[in-house]
Protein backbone atom coordinates (compact mmCIF):
# COMPACT_ATOMS: atom_id res chain seq x y z
CA MET A 1 -10.35 25.88 -2.63
CA PHE A 2 -10.25 27.98 0.48
CA ARG A 3 -12.63 31.02 0.74
CA TYR A 4 -11.23 34.22 2.19
CA ARG A 5 -13.05 37.54 2.56
CA SER A 6 -9.82 39.41 2.66
CA ARG A 7 -7.99 40.13 -0.74
CA ALA A 8 -4.77 40.65 1.08
CA LEU A 9 -5.35 37.34 3.40
CA GLY A 10 -5.58 35.56 0.12
CA VAL A 11 -2.28 36.98 -1.02
CA CYS A 12 -0.93 35.83 2.08
CA ILE A 13 -2.20 32.41 1.63
CA ALA A 14 -0.82 32.12 -1.90
CA LEU A 15 2.76 33.06 -0.64
CA LEU A 16 2.53 30.59 2.07
CA GLY A 17 1.50 27.92 -0.56
CA LEU A 18 4.62 28.87 -2.59
CA VAL A 19 6.88 28.79 0.53
CA LEU A 20 5.78 25.35 1.26
CA SER A 21 5.93 24.12 -2.04
CA ILE A 22 9.77 25.10 -2.56
CA SER A 23 10.41 23.66 0.83
CA CYS A 24 8.53 20.33 0.01
CA ASN A 25 10.36 20.21 -3.35
CA ARG A 26 13.64 20.51 -1.35
CA GLY A 27 13.03 18.39 1.39
CA ASN A 28 10.63 15.95 0.19
CA SER A 29 11.82 15.18 -3.32
CA SER A 30 8.67 16.75 -4.62
CA SER A 31 8.47 18.35 -8.03
CA SER A 32 5.80 20.23 -10.36
CA SER A 33 5.52 19.66 -14.11
CA ALA A 34 3.47 21.79 -16.20
CA THR A 35 1.82 20.29 -19.34
CA THR A 36 1.61 22.09 -22.76
CA GLN A 37 -0.97 24.57 -23.08
CA SER A 38 -4.29 23.61 -24.47
CA SER A 39 -7.85 25.35 -24.92
CA GLY A 40 -10.51 24.69 -22.47
CA THR A 41 -10.73 23.77 -18.68
CA ARG A 42 -7.24 22.92 -17.10
CA TYR A 43 -6.89 20.87 -13.85
CA LYS A 44 -4.36 20.88 -11.25
CA VAL A 45 -3.63 17.55 -10.13
CA GLY A 46 -1.41 16.13 -7.16
CA PHE A 47 0.35 12.94 -7.45
CA ALA A 48 1.94 11.37 -4.36
CA ASN A 49 4.16 8.47 -5.43
CA ILE A 50 4.79 5.50 -3.00
CA ALA A 51 8.63 6.22 -3.20
CA GLU A 52 11.37 6.82 -5.74
CA ASP A 53 14.00 4.14 -5.10
CA PHE A 54 12.61 1.07 -6.81
CA PRO A 55 11.62 0.43 -10.32
CA PHE A 56 7.92 -0.24 -9.93
CA ALA A 57 7.40 3.27 -8.47
CA VAL A 58 9.34 5.10 -11.09
CA ARG A 59 7.62 3.46 -13.92
CA VAL A 60 4.23 4.46 -12.52
CA ARG A 61 5.31 7.85 -12.14
CA GLU A 62 6.74 8.14 -15.60
CA GLY A 63 3.57 6.66 -17.20
CA ILE A 64 1.38 9.27 -14.93
CA GLU A 65 3.65 12.10 -16.07
CA ARG A 66 3.40 11.24 -19.92
CA ALA A 67 -0.29 10.57 -19.66
CA ALA A 68 -0.80 14.14 -18.00
CA LYS A 69 1.35 15.68 -20.51
CA GLU A 70 -0.42 13.83 -23.44
CA ALA A 71 -3.99 14.92 -22.10
CA GLY A 72 -2.76 18.59 -22.83
CA ASN A 73 -4.95 20.08 -19.76
CA ILE A 74 -3.17 18.75 -16.70
CA ASP A 75 -0.82 20.54 -14.37
CA LEU A 76 0.65 17.82 -12.47
CA VAL A 77 2.44 18.35 -8.75
CA VAL A 78 4.39 15.26 -8.09
CA MET A 79 5.47 14.07 -4.55
CA ASN A 80 7.40 11.35 -2.81
CA ASN A 81 5.52 9.46 -0.04
CA ARG A 82 9.00 7.70 0.75
CA MET A 83 7.23 4.65 2.04
CA ASP A 84 6.23 6.66 5.12
CA GLY A 85 2.44 7.46 6.50
CA GLN A 86 3.56 10.64 8.08
CA THR A 87 5.29 11.73 5.09
CA ALA A 88 2.37 11.00 3.06
CA LEU A 89 0.08 13.04 5.32
CA ALA A 90 2.28 15.96 5.19
CA ASN A 91 2.12 15.58 1.16
CA ALA A 92 -1.48 15.68 1.56
CA ASP A 93 -1.35 18.94 3.30
CA ASN A 94 1.02 20.47 0.69
CA MET A 95 -1.31 19.46 -2.10
CA LEU A 96 -4.44 21.11 -0.15
CA VAL A 97 -2.39 24.51 0.07
CA GLN A 98 -1.25 24.12 -3.81
CA GLY A 99 -5.06 24.04 -4.61
CA VAL A 100 -5.19 20.62 -6.32
CA GLN A 101 -8.49 19.60 -7.85
CA GLY A 102 -7.86 15.91 -7.87
CA VAL A 103 -5.22 13.49 -6.46
CA ILE A 104 -3.45 10.18 -7.23
CA GLU A 105 -2.39 8.74 -4.17
CA PHE A 106 0.08 5.67 -3.98
CA GLN A 107 0.92 5.10 -0.33
CA THR A 108 1.71 2.12 1.47
CA ASP A 109 0.50 2.54 5.22
CA GLU A 110 -3.32 1.70 5.57
CA GLN A 111 -3.15 3.36 9.21
CA PHE A 112 -2.72 6.90 7.46
CA GLY A 113 -5.15 6.33 4.56
CA LYS A 114 -8.06 7.51 6.60
CA ALA A 115 -6.39 10.59 7.84
CA ILE A 116 -5.47 11.54 4.47
CA MET A 117 -8.93 10.94 2.92
CA GLU A 118 -10.41 12.95 5.78
CA LYS A 119 -8.46 15.84 4.39
CA PHE A 120 -9.52 15.50 0.92
CA ASN A 121 -13.15 14.41 1.28
CA ALA A 122 -13.56 17.74 3.47
CA GLU A 123 -12.67 19.71 0.49
CA LYS A 124 -14.44 17.11 -1.92
CA ILE A 125 -11.28 16.54 -3.97
CA PRO A 126 -11.71 13.19 -5.93
CA VAL A 127 -8.89 10.59 -5.19
CA ILE A 128 -7.77 7.62 -7.12
CA ALA A 129 -5.60 5.28 -4.70
CA ILE A 130 -2.96 2.96 -6.29
CA ASP A 131 -2.89 -0.56 -5.36
CA ILE A 132 -3.50 0.22 -1.78
CA PRO A 133 -7.02 1.13 -0.94
CA MET A 134 -8.32 4.17 0.82
CA GLU A 135 -11.70 4.42 2.00
CA GLY A 136 -13.49 6.95 -0.01
CA ALA A 137 -11.15 6.81 -3.03
CA THR A 138 -11.57 5.11 -6.11
CA PHE A 139 -9.24 2.19 -6.41
CA PHE A 140 -6.91 1.32 -9.27
CA GLY A 141 -3.95 -1.11 -9.65
CA VAL A 142 -3.32 -4.83 -9.35
CA ASN A 143 -6.30 -7.40 -9.34
CA ASN A 144 -4.55 -9.10 -6.35
CA THR A 145 -6.44 -12.33 -6.35
CA GLN A 146 -6.22 -12.87 -10.27
CA ALA A 147 -2.78 -11.84 -10.25
CA GLY A 148 -1.78 -13.82 -7.21
CA ASN A 149 -3.56 -17.01 -9.00
CA MET A 150 -1.67 -16.61 -11.98
CA ALA A 151 1.76 -16.58 -10.27
CA GLY A 152 0.75 -19.57 -7.97
CA GLU A 153 -0.54 -21.70 -10.88
CA GLY A 154 2.71 -20.96 -12.76
CA LEU A 155 4.94 -21.96 -9.78
CA GLY A 156 2.64 -25.14 -9.31
CA ASN A 157 3.21 -26.30 -12.86
CA TRP A 158 6.70 -25.86 -12.72
CA ILE A 159 6.94 -27.73 -9.54
CA LYS A 160 4.87 -30.64 -11.03
CA LYS A 161 7.11 -30.70 -13.93
CA ASN A 162 10.38 -30.32 -12.16
CA TRP A 163 9.82 -31.44 -8.86
CA ASN A 164 7.13 -34.10 -9.26
CA GLY A 165 4.80 -31.85 -7.43
CA GLN A 166 6.75 -32.37 -4.20
CA VAL A 167 6.51 -28.89 -1.79
CA ASP A 168 8.73 -29.63 1.46
CA ALA A 169 7.96 -25.80 2.50
CA LEU A 170 6.16 -22.79 1.54
CA ILE A 171 7.69 -19.27 2.21
CA MET A 172 5.62 -16.40 1.80
CA LEU A 173 7.10 -12.97 1.62
CA GLU A 174 4.12 -10.76 2.69
CA LEU A 175 3.42 -7.06 3.37
CA PRO A 176 0.89 -6.93 6.48
CA GLN A 177 1.21 -3.38 7.08
CA SER A 178 -0.59 -2.65 3.89
CA GLY A 179 -3.94 -4.30 4.96
CA PRO A 180 -6.31 -6.90 3.14
CA VAL A 181 -5.50 -6.29 -0.67
CA PRO A 182 -2.00 -7.21 -0.69
CA ALA A 183 -2.97 -10.03 1.49
CA ALA A 184 -5.21 -11.14 -1.24
CA ARG A 185 -2.22 -11.10 -3.52
CA MET A 186 -0.61 -13.58 -1.06
CA LYS A 187 -3.70 -15.55 -0.82
CA GLY A 188 -4.11 -15.72 -4.40
CA GLN A 189 -0.36 -17.18 -4.91
CA ARG A 190 -1.03 -19.87 -2.45
CA ASP A 191 -4.50 -20.82 -3.81
CA GLY A 192 -3.11 -20.85 -7.39
CA LEU A 193 -0.04 -23.12 -6.16
CA GLU A 194 -2.24 -25.50 -4.31
CA SER A 195 -4.82 -25.74 -7.25
CA VAL A 196 -2.18 -27.68 -8.94
CA VAL A 197 0.10 -29.57 -6.29
CA GLY A 198 -2.65 -29.93 -3.81
CA LYS A 199 -3.03 -28.77 -0.08
CA ILE A 200 0.01 -27.69 1.71
CA ASP A 201 -0.26 -28.24 5.33
CA ASP A 202 -0.15 -25.09 7.54
CA SER A 203 2.85 -26.52 9.59
CA LYS A 204 4.87 -26.25 6.38
CA VAL A 205 4.20 -22.46 5.66
CA LYS A 206 6.37 -19.68 6.96
CA HIS A 207 4.73 -16.24 6.85
CA LEU A 208 7.36 -13.57 6.78
CA ASP A 209 6.99 -9.79 6.80
CA SER A 210 9.09 -8.64 3.97
CA LYS A 211 8.55 -4.81 4.40
CA ASN A 212 8.46 -4.63 0.74
CA THR A 213 12.21 -4.71 0.60
CA LEU A 214 15.00 -6.80 -1.04
CA GLU A 215 17.04 -6.25 2.08
CA GLU A 216 14.63 -7.69 4.57
CA ALA A 217 13.44 -10.54 2.50
CA ASN A 218 17.33 -11.67 2.10
CA ARG A 219 17.54 -11.53 5.83
CA LEU A 220 14.20 -13.35 6.68
CA VAL A 221 14.92 -16.01 4.03
CA LYS A 222 18.31 -16.66 5.29
CA ASP A 223 17.03 -17.34 8.80
CA ALA A 224 14.15 -19.45 7.13
CA LEU A 225 16.34 -21.61 5.18
CA SER A 226 18.57 -22.25 8.44
CA THR A 227 15.53 -23.91 10.00
CA LEU A 228 15.00 -26.09 6.97
CA PRO A 229 18.24 -27.78 6.50
CA ASN A 230 16.82 -30.96 4.90
CA ALA A 231 14.19 -29.40 2.64
CA HIS A 232 15.03 -29.21 -1.00
CA HIS A 233 11.76 -28.44 -2.63
CA ILE A 234 10.96 -25.08 -1.10
CA ALA A 235 8.29 -22.89 -3.07
CA VAL A 236 8.63 -19.19 -2.29
CA VAL A 237 5.74 -16.69 -3.27
CA CYS A 238 6.55 -13.08 -3.06
CA ILE A 239 4.79 -9.55 -2.65
CA ASN A 240 6.94 -8.23 -5.33
CA ASP A 241 10.20 -8.70 -7.62
CA ASP A 242 12.47 -7.10 -5.25
CA THR A 243 11.51 -9.49 -2.33
CA ALA A 244 11.83 -12.35 -4.78
CA LEU A 245 15.28 -11.24 -5.58
CA GLY A 246 16.20 -11.00 -1.81
CA SER A 247 15.04 -14.76 -1.54
CA ILE A 248 17.23 -15.57 -4.48
CA ALA A 249 20.24 -13.89 -2.91
CA ALA A 250 19.66 -15.46 0.44
CA ALA A 251 19.40 -18.95 -0.92
CA GLU A 252 22.67 -18.21 -3.34
CA SER A 253 24.65 -17.10 -0.25
CA LEU A 254 24.02 -20.38 1.68
CA GLY A 255 24.85 -22.65 -1.62
CA ARG A 256 21.04 -23.47 -1.80
CA LYS A 257 19.69 -21.86 -4.79
CA LYS A 258 18.56 -25.06 -6.35
CA ASP A 259 16.36 -25.72 -3.19
CA ILE A 260 13.94 -22.92 -4.05
CA ALA A 261 11.56 -21.99 -6.81
CA VAL A 262 10.40 -18.51 -6.76
CA VAL A 263 7.49 -16.30 -8.10
CA ALA A 264 6.03 -12.68 -7.57
CA VAL A 265 3.53 -10.45 -8.64
CA ASP A 266 5.21 -7.45 -10.19
CA GLY A 267 6.95 -7.78 -13.62
CA SER A 268 9.76 -5.16 -12.55
CA ASP A 269 12.84 -4.35 -14.90
CA ARG A 270 14.85 -6.34 -12.23
CA GLY A 271 12.30 -9.25 -12.16
CA ARG A 272 12.58 -9.45 -15.88
CA GLU A 273 16.20 -9.50 -15.87
CA GLU A 274 16.26 -12.25 -13.25
CA ILE A 275 13.67 -14.36 -15.34
CA ARG A 276 16.19 -14.27 -18.17
CA LYS A 277 19.12 -15.74 -16.55
CA ALA A 278 19.65 -19.33 -17.21
CA ASP A 279 20.08 -20.75 -14.01
CA THR A 280 17.87 -18.70 -11.73
CA PRO A 281 15.10 -20.25 -9.57
CA MET A 282 12.72 -17.32 -10.49
CA VAL A 283 9.87 -19.35 -12.33
CA GLY A 284 7.92 -16.08 -13.09
CA THR A 285 6.23 -12.91 -12.32
CA THR A 286 2.82 -11.64 -12.97
CA ALA A 287 3.18 -8.22 -14.72
CA SER A 288 0.80 -5.35 -14.07
CA PHE A 289 2.43 -3.01 -16.61
CA PRO A 290 3.21 -0.01 -14.10
CA GLU A 291 4.24 2.26 -17.05
CA LYS A 292 0.76 2.07 -18.44
CA TYR A 293 -1.19 3.17 -15.13
CA GLY A 294 -1.37 6.81 -16.17
CA ASP A 295 -3.13 5.69 -19.42
CA LYS A 296 -6.09 4.56 -17.24
CA ILE A 297 -5.92 6.68 -14.28
CA ILE A 298 -5.53 10.17 -15.85
CA PRO A 299 -8.82 9.80 -18.02
CA ALA A 300 -10.79 8.30 -15.05
CA LEU A 301 -9.60 11.42 -12.81
CA VAL A 302 -10.57 13.88 -15.39
CA LYS A 303 -13.99 12.43 -15.72
CA ARG A 304 -14.27 12.57 -11.66
CA MET A 305 -13.30 16.38 -11.60
CA LYS A 306 -15.87 16.97 -14.16
CA GLY A 307 -18.48 15.31 -11.93
CA GLU A 308 -18.88 12.23 -13.96
CA THR A 309 -19.19 8.90 -12.31
CA ILE A 310 -16.55 5.99 -12.68
CA PRO A 311 -16.51 2.52 -10.98
CA ASP A 312 -15.29 2.20 -7.60
CA LYS A 313 -12.55 -0.10 -8.55
CA PHE A 314 -10.75 -0.41 -11.86
CA TYR A 315 -7.78 -2.46 -12.54
CA THR A 316 -4.45 -3.04 -14.68
CA ASP A 317 -3.96 -5.68 -17.11
CA HIS A 318 -1.95 -8.89 -16.30
CA VAL A 319 0.46 -11.38 -17.47
CA PHE A 320 2.31 -14.16 -16.13
CA LEU A 321 5.94 -13.54 -17.47
CA THR A 322 8.37 -16.69 -18.12
CA LYS A 323 11.27 -17.19 -19.84
CA ASP A 324 8.98 -18.34 -22.90
CA ASN A 325 7.19 -15.02 -23.08
CA VAL A 326 9.09 -12.04 -21.42
CA ASP A 327 10.52 -11.00 -24.66
CA LYS A 328 7.28 -10.96 -26.28
CA TYR A 329 5.97 -8.19 -23.61
CA TYR A 330 9.11 -6.44 -23.05
CA PRO A 331 11.66 -6.96 -25.87
CA ALA A 332 15.31 -7.44 -24.53
CA LYS A 333 17.43 -4.14 -25.15
């Protein structure tokens, strides 16, 4: 990647890369995995995962690792962005030192996306950004408008059947730090809900910054429910399954689980487990099959590294999971 006149200097740089790689592997939960040997051109690909402490991210990583291994010509360098923009920026530097030829970025902080892409663009390294767009990168992930609409319509149909279409309040557990694309997921859920139950007055809507975590959603929904003592038909739309579970835990702790009906866009292990419960207020979740992300990302990135053109955006598949169909797509173990 970098050109040096001095062979000695090249050796020094290589040693520096090795030291940084070892340091990052220890301090930033990074890892490298070499694929099986195959003939032809091999590619070193960097994958910076959003985090490693929630199921969706783990499934994405596992799928990418599997797809890279099956490709037979990919050496994958895996890093952990830890839901932190500064860490993602440091990981980008580390990948450059290690000489990656293509990058898969899964990072949540829109503010750092530009700085990260400036580094890769300067070296003409193709990047595929997962779920959170980065200017100059190819986008892959959730079709947020479609997935949101599916969840919202599913919630609306449940409310129409079980609450006679009544909505006393709408709680929206959002993720504003990640910009307009996740915002489209939330808007899609509201639009889908309103397409079934009718327009919900803005005075009945609570926009909450979930921080993408169960714990924060739990805290926020407890506070929100305390301001709605007489509401017994509360729709809750969520950025992911963890925030949905946080909202359910909050309602349960207050003895108000029957007052809420919840949907999300995710389809995670924990979300599916919740859907299967007999008394859950979780109506459903739009699955995006993170375990299959790698099957589409790896071939597309290889094309880019070969200099071929791919679409600026491409998407995963979606299904709205409920009690009626969850075992069809994810058989219970």
